[in-house]
Amino acid sequence: VANGDVTAGEDPIVRAAAVDALGNMNGTVVAIEPTSGRILAMVNQKLALSSGAQPCSTIKLSVALAALSENLVTKDTAIALSRRHRLNLTEALAHSNNGYFEALGRRLGFAKVSFYAHQFGLGELAGYNIPDEQLGRYPKAEIDAKLGGVGKMCSFGEGISMTPLQLGALVSAISNDGTLYYLQHPTSPDEVANFQPRVKRHLDIGAVIPEISDGMAGAVQYGTARS
């Protein structure tokens, strides 16, 4: 899957680890230095630069940040999903609970969900002068109720196409306390030596990042990504 990748400006150790991690899966790995936006390795660049795919549960990060920014919930806010079943945000992130995020989406409404998604980089190119990078898609209006409306958009990314670079840029901003960088992919040692970070914008999410970090870690420690 790495045939044709341009690797002269990548970190060879990071790339080797990424290739090993991907194995024989038909996917892509984009490893980013979160304090600069430099892409250290991009394995299967054809797929990484494509128009993306339905983000499924990765859309929950954007929705969680939106709900926290609007003071709709904290990480401990429990939402009743049935007569006997309640979850808080940490548990909902760790276990990727669709019902919880459908409820958040309906409470937020499409206008706010869309506003924050675009602030976080959806619907726009993530890279700076990266050849062949394609644009994902974010609907201009709420999807039809027959498809689940804003609830399905917020739980499963229905109607949305997110690129690997867009997701990588968002996760980098979460990890660096809120700076959304343009991603850059050096293609030569000279470009690496002269690399300069380029800030796209600063996101006002520093105060709410601790509210999602436990849930993100929980996904790997005991939730849906444990295996």
Protein backbone atom coordinates (compact mmCIF):
# COMPACT_ATOMS: atom_id res chain seq x y z
CA VAL A 1 0.00 0.00 0.00
CA ALA A 2 3.02 2.30 0.32
CA ASN A 3 4.00 2.07 -3.34
CA GLY A 4 4.52 5.56 -4.75
CA ASP A 5 4.81 7.28 -1.36
CA VAL A 6 7.13 10.30 -1.28
CA THR A 7 9.35 9.65 1.74
CA ALA A 8 12.55 11.72 1.35
CA GLY A 9 11.41 14.29 3.94
CA GLU A 10 9.94 11.85 6.44
CA ASP A 11 11.40 10.58 9.72
CA PRO A 12 12.63 7.06 8.82
CA ILE A 13 12.15 5.69 12.35
CA VAL A 14 8.59 6.97 12.61
CA ARG A 15 7.83 5.72 9.11
CA ALA A 16 9.16 2.25 9.88
CA ALA A 17 6.99 2.07 12.98
CA ALA A 18 3.95 3.27 11.03
CA VAL A 19 4.49 0.72 8.24
CA ASP A 20 4.88 -2.03 10.81
CA ALA A 21 1.73 -0.94 12.65
CA LEU A 22 -0.34 -0.87 9.47
CA GLY A 23 0.82 -4.31 8.42
CA ASN A 24 -1.17 -5.70 5.50
CA MET A 25 -4.31 -3.66 6.21
CA ASN A 26 -5.62 -1.47 3.41
CA GLY A 27 -5.50 1.71 5.48
CA THR A 28 -3.31 4.71 6.10
CA VAL A 29 -1.19 6.03 8.95
CA VAL A 30 -0.52 9.76 9.30
CA ALA A 31 1.94 10.54 12.11
CA ILE A 32 2.06 14.23 13.00
CA GLU A 33 4.27 16.30 15.28
CA PRO A 34 1.48 18.08 17.18
CA THR A 35 3.57 21.09 18.18
CA SER A 36 4.33 22.06 14.58
CA GLY A 37 1.98 20.35 12.15
CA ARG A 38 4.85 18.55 10.46
CA ILE A 39 3.85 15.18 9.03
CA LEU A 40 6.58 12.81 10.17
CA ALA A 41 5.24 9.88 8.17
CA MET A 42 2.34 9.32 5.82
CA VAL A 43 1.91 5.70 4.81
CA ASN A 44 -0.34 4.96 1.84
CA GLN A 45 -0.39 8.57 0.72
CA LYS A 46 -2.95 7.94 -2.01
CA LEU A 47 -5.52 7.06 0.64
CA ALA A 48 -4.34 9.68 3.15
CA LEU A 49 -4.85 12.45 0.59
CA SER A 50 -8.17 11.15 -0.67
CA SER A 51 -11.58 12.75 -0.14
CA GLY A 52 -11.97 10.71 3.01
CA ALA A 53 -14.82 8.61 4.29
CA GLN A 54 -17.66 8.64 6.77
CA PRO A 55 -15.86 9.31 10.06
CA CYS A 56 -18.01 6.92 12.09
CA SER A 57 -17.25 7.31 15.80
CA THR A 58 -14.27 9.62 15.35
CA ILE A 59 -16.85 12.40 14.83
CA LYS A 60 -17.61 12.09 18.55
CA LEU A 61 -14.49 14.13 19.39
CA SER A 62 -15.81 17.16 17.54
CA VAL A 63 -19.26 16.78 19.10
CA ALA A 64 -17.86 16.35 22.61
CA LEU A 65 -15.74 19.49 22.26
CA ALA A 66 -18.76 21.41 20.96
CA ALA A 67 -20.98 20.32 23.86
CA LEU A 68 -18.29 21.13 26.41
CA SER A 69 -17.60 24.51 24.82
CA GLU A 70 -21.32 25.31 25.02
CA ASN A 71 -21.39 24.28 28.71
CA LEU A 72 -23.97 21.66 27.83
CA VAL A 73 -22.16 18.91 29.74
CA THR A 74 -19.07 18.14 31.79
CA LYS A 75 -17.25 14.84 31.72
CA ASP A 76 -19.42 13.69 34.63
CA THR A 77 -22.80 14.71 33.21
CA ALA A 78 -24.98 11.62 32.98
CA ILE A 79 -27.60 11.32 30.24
CA ALA A 80 -30.44 8.82 30.54
CA LEU A 81 -30.42 6.50 27.54
CA SER A 82 -33.23 4.29 28.84
CA ARG A 83 -35.19 3.85 32.06
CA ARG A 84 -32.27 2.06 33.72
CA HIS A 85 -29.24 3.09 31.69
CA ARG A 86 -27.30 6.32 32.19
CA LEU A 87 -23.82 7.27 30.95
CA ASN A 88 -21.52 10.22 31.48
CA LEU A 89 -19.28 11.72 28.83
CA THR A 90 -16.16 9.81 29.88
CA GLU A 91 -17.96 6.47 29.65
CA ALA A 92 -19.67 7.44 26.40
CA LEU A 93 -16.34 8.30 24.76
CA ALA A 94 -14.61 5.19 26.08
CA HIS A 95 -17.39 2.89 24.89
CA SER A 96 -18.29 4.97 21.81
CA ASN A 97 -21.94 5.11 22.79
CA ASN A 98 -24.08 6.27 19.89
CA GLY A 99 -27.17 7.05 21.95
CA TYR A 100 -25.28 9.51 24.15
CA PHE A 101 -23.92 11.46 21.20
CA GLU A 102 -27.22 11.41 19.36
CA ALA A 103 -28.69 13.08 22.44
CA LEU A 104 -25.88 15.67 22.49
CA GLY A 105 -26.39 16.40 18.81
CA ARG A 106 -30.10 16.99 19.22
CA ARG A 107 -29.48 19.30 22.18
CA LEU A 108 -26.84 21.27 20.29
CA GLY A 109 -28.75 21.49 17.02
CA PHE A 110 -27.28 21.47 13.54
CA ALA A 111 -26.17 25.12 13.49
CA LYS A 112 -23.87 24.75 16.50
CA VAL A 113 -22.67 21.29 15.52
CA SER A 114 -21.72 22.61 12.09
CA PHE A 115 -20.11 25.78 13.44
CA TYR A 116 -17.76 23.88 15.74
CA ALA A 117 -16.99 21.21 13.15
CA HIS A 118 -15.80 23.88 10.75
CA GLN A 119 -13.79 25.59 13.50
CA PHE A 120 -12.07 22.25 14.07
CA GLY A 121 -11.13 21.97 10.40
CA LEU A 122 -13.83 19.85 8.82
CA GLY A 123 -14.93 20.95 5.38
CA GLU A 124 -11.59 22.56 4.53
CA LEU A 125 -8.15 21.41 3.42
CA ALA A 126 -5.95 20.45 6.36
CA GLY A 127 -2.63 20.76 4.58
CA TYR A 128 -0.53 23.63 3.33
CA ASN A 129 0.40 23.13 -0.32
CA ILE A 130 0.26 19.34 -0.10
CA PRO A 131 -0.06 18.09 -3.69
CA ASP A 132 -3.12 15.97 -4.47
CA GLU A 133 -4.82 16.61 -1.11
CA GLN A 134 -8.57 16.35 -1.62
CA LEU A 135 -11.36 17.95 0.34
CA GLY A 136 -13.78 16.08 2.56
CA ARG A 137 -17.44 17.00 2.73
CA TYR A 138 -19.60 18.56 5.41
CA PRO A 139 -23.32 19.05 4.65
CA LYS A 140 -24.64 22.60 4.46
CA ALA A 141 -27.87 21.49 6.12
CA GLU A 142 -28.98 18.77 8.50
CA ILE A 143 -29.38 15.44 6.78
CA ASP A 144 -32.87 14.05 6.24
CA ALA A 145 -34.69 12.75 9.31
CA LYS A 146 -35.07 9.40 7.53
CA LEU A 147 -31.28 9.11 7.72
CA GLY A 148 -31.24 10.05 11.40
CA GLY A 149 -30.92 13.83 11.23
CA VAL A 150 -28.38 15.63 13.38
CA GLY A 151 -28.34 12.75 15.86
CA LYS A 152 -26.79 10.34 13.34
CA MET A 153 -24.44 13.05 12.14
CA CYS A 154 -23.10 13.36 15.70
CA SER A 155 -22.95 9.68 16.62
CA PHE A 156 -21.76 8.10 13.39
CA GLY A 157 -20.86 10.92 11.04
CA GLU A 158 -23.75 10.18 8.70
CA GLY A 159 -23.56 12.40 5.62
CA ILE A 160 -20.03 13.62 6.47
CA SER A 161 -16.75 12.78 4.77
CA MET A 162 -13.65 13.39 6.89
CA THR A 163 -10.15 12.99 5.50
CA PRO A 164 -7.31 11.36 7.43
CA LEU A 165 -5.47 14.70 7.41
CA GLN A 166 -8.47 16.54 8.87
CA LEU A 167 -8.76 14.01 11.67
CA GLY A 168 -5.02 14.14 12.30
CA ALA A 169 -5.03 17.93 12.50
CA LEU A 170 -7.92 17.90 14.99
CA VAL A 171 -6.31 15.29 17.24
CA SER A 172 -3.04 17.25 17.11
CA ALA A 173 -4.89 20.37 18.25
CA ILE A 174 -6.38 18.42 21.15
CA SER A 175 -2.95 17.15 22.15
CA ASN A 176 -1.26 20.57 21.97
CA ASP A 177 -3.90 22.51 23.94
CA GLY A 178 -5.76 24.06 21.03
CA THR A 179 -3.50 25.18 18.17
CA LEU A 180 -4.78 24.03 14.79
CA TYR A 181 -1.77 23.91 12.49
CA TYR A 182 -1.70 23.62 8.75
CA LEU A 183 -0.24 20.20 8.15
CA GLN A 184 2.95 20.20 6.08
CA HIS A 185 4.66 17.23 4.48
CA PRO A 186 8.33 17.92 3.70
CA THR A 187 9.53 16.08 0.64
CA SER A 188 13.28 16.60 0.91
CA PRO A 189 16.00 17.07 3.55
CA ASP A 190 16.21 20.76 2.58
CA GLU A 191 12.51 21.24 3.32
CA VAL A 192 12.99 19.56 6.69
CA ALA A 193 15.95 21.82 7.53
CA ASN A 194 13.97 24.95 6.62
CA PHE A 195 10.65 23.85 8.08
CA GLN A 196 8.48 26.59 9.57
CA PRO A 197 5.18 25.83 11.37
CA ARG A 198 2.08 27.57 10.03
CA VAL A 199 -0.80 28.22 12.41
CA LYS A 200 -4.26 28.05 10.88
CA ARG A 201 -6.05 29.29 14.02
CA HIS A 202 -6.14 28.95 17.78
CA LEU A 203 -9.09 27.01 19.16
CA ASP A 204 -10.62 28.01 22.46
CA ILE A 205 -10.65 24.44 23.78
CA GLY A 206 -7.78 24.45 26.31
CA ALA A 207 -10.12 24.51 29.30
CA VAL A 208 -12.23 21.58 28.08
CA ILE A 209 -9.50 19.23 26.86
CA PRO A 210 -9.14 17.66 30.34
CA GLU A 211 -12.87 16.88 30.13
CA ILE A 212 -12.34 14.52 27.18
CA SER A 213 -8.87 13.14 27.92
CA ASP A 214 -10.12 10.47 30.34
CA GLY A 215 -12.63 9.24 27.79
CA MET A 216 -10.06 9.14 25.00
CA ALA A 217 -7.63 7.22 27.20
CA GLY A 218 -10.45 4.97 28.38
CA ALA A 219 -11.20 3.93 24.81
CA VAL A 220 -7.77 2.31 24.64
CA GLN A 221 -7.53 1.13 28.24
CA TYR A 222 -10.92 -0.53 28.66
CA GLY A 223 -13.25 0.61 25.86
CA THR A 224 -13.84 -0.01 22.20
CA ALA A 225 -10.17 0.30 21.13
CA ARG A 226 -8.81 -2.03 23.81
CA SER A 227 -8.31 -5.00 21.48
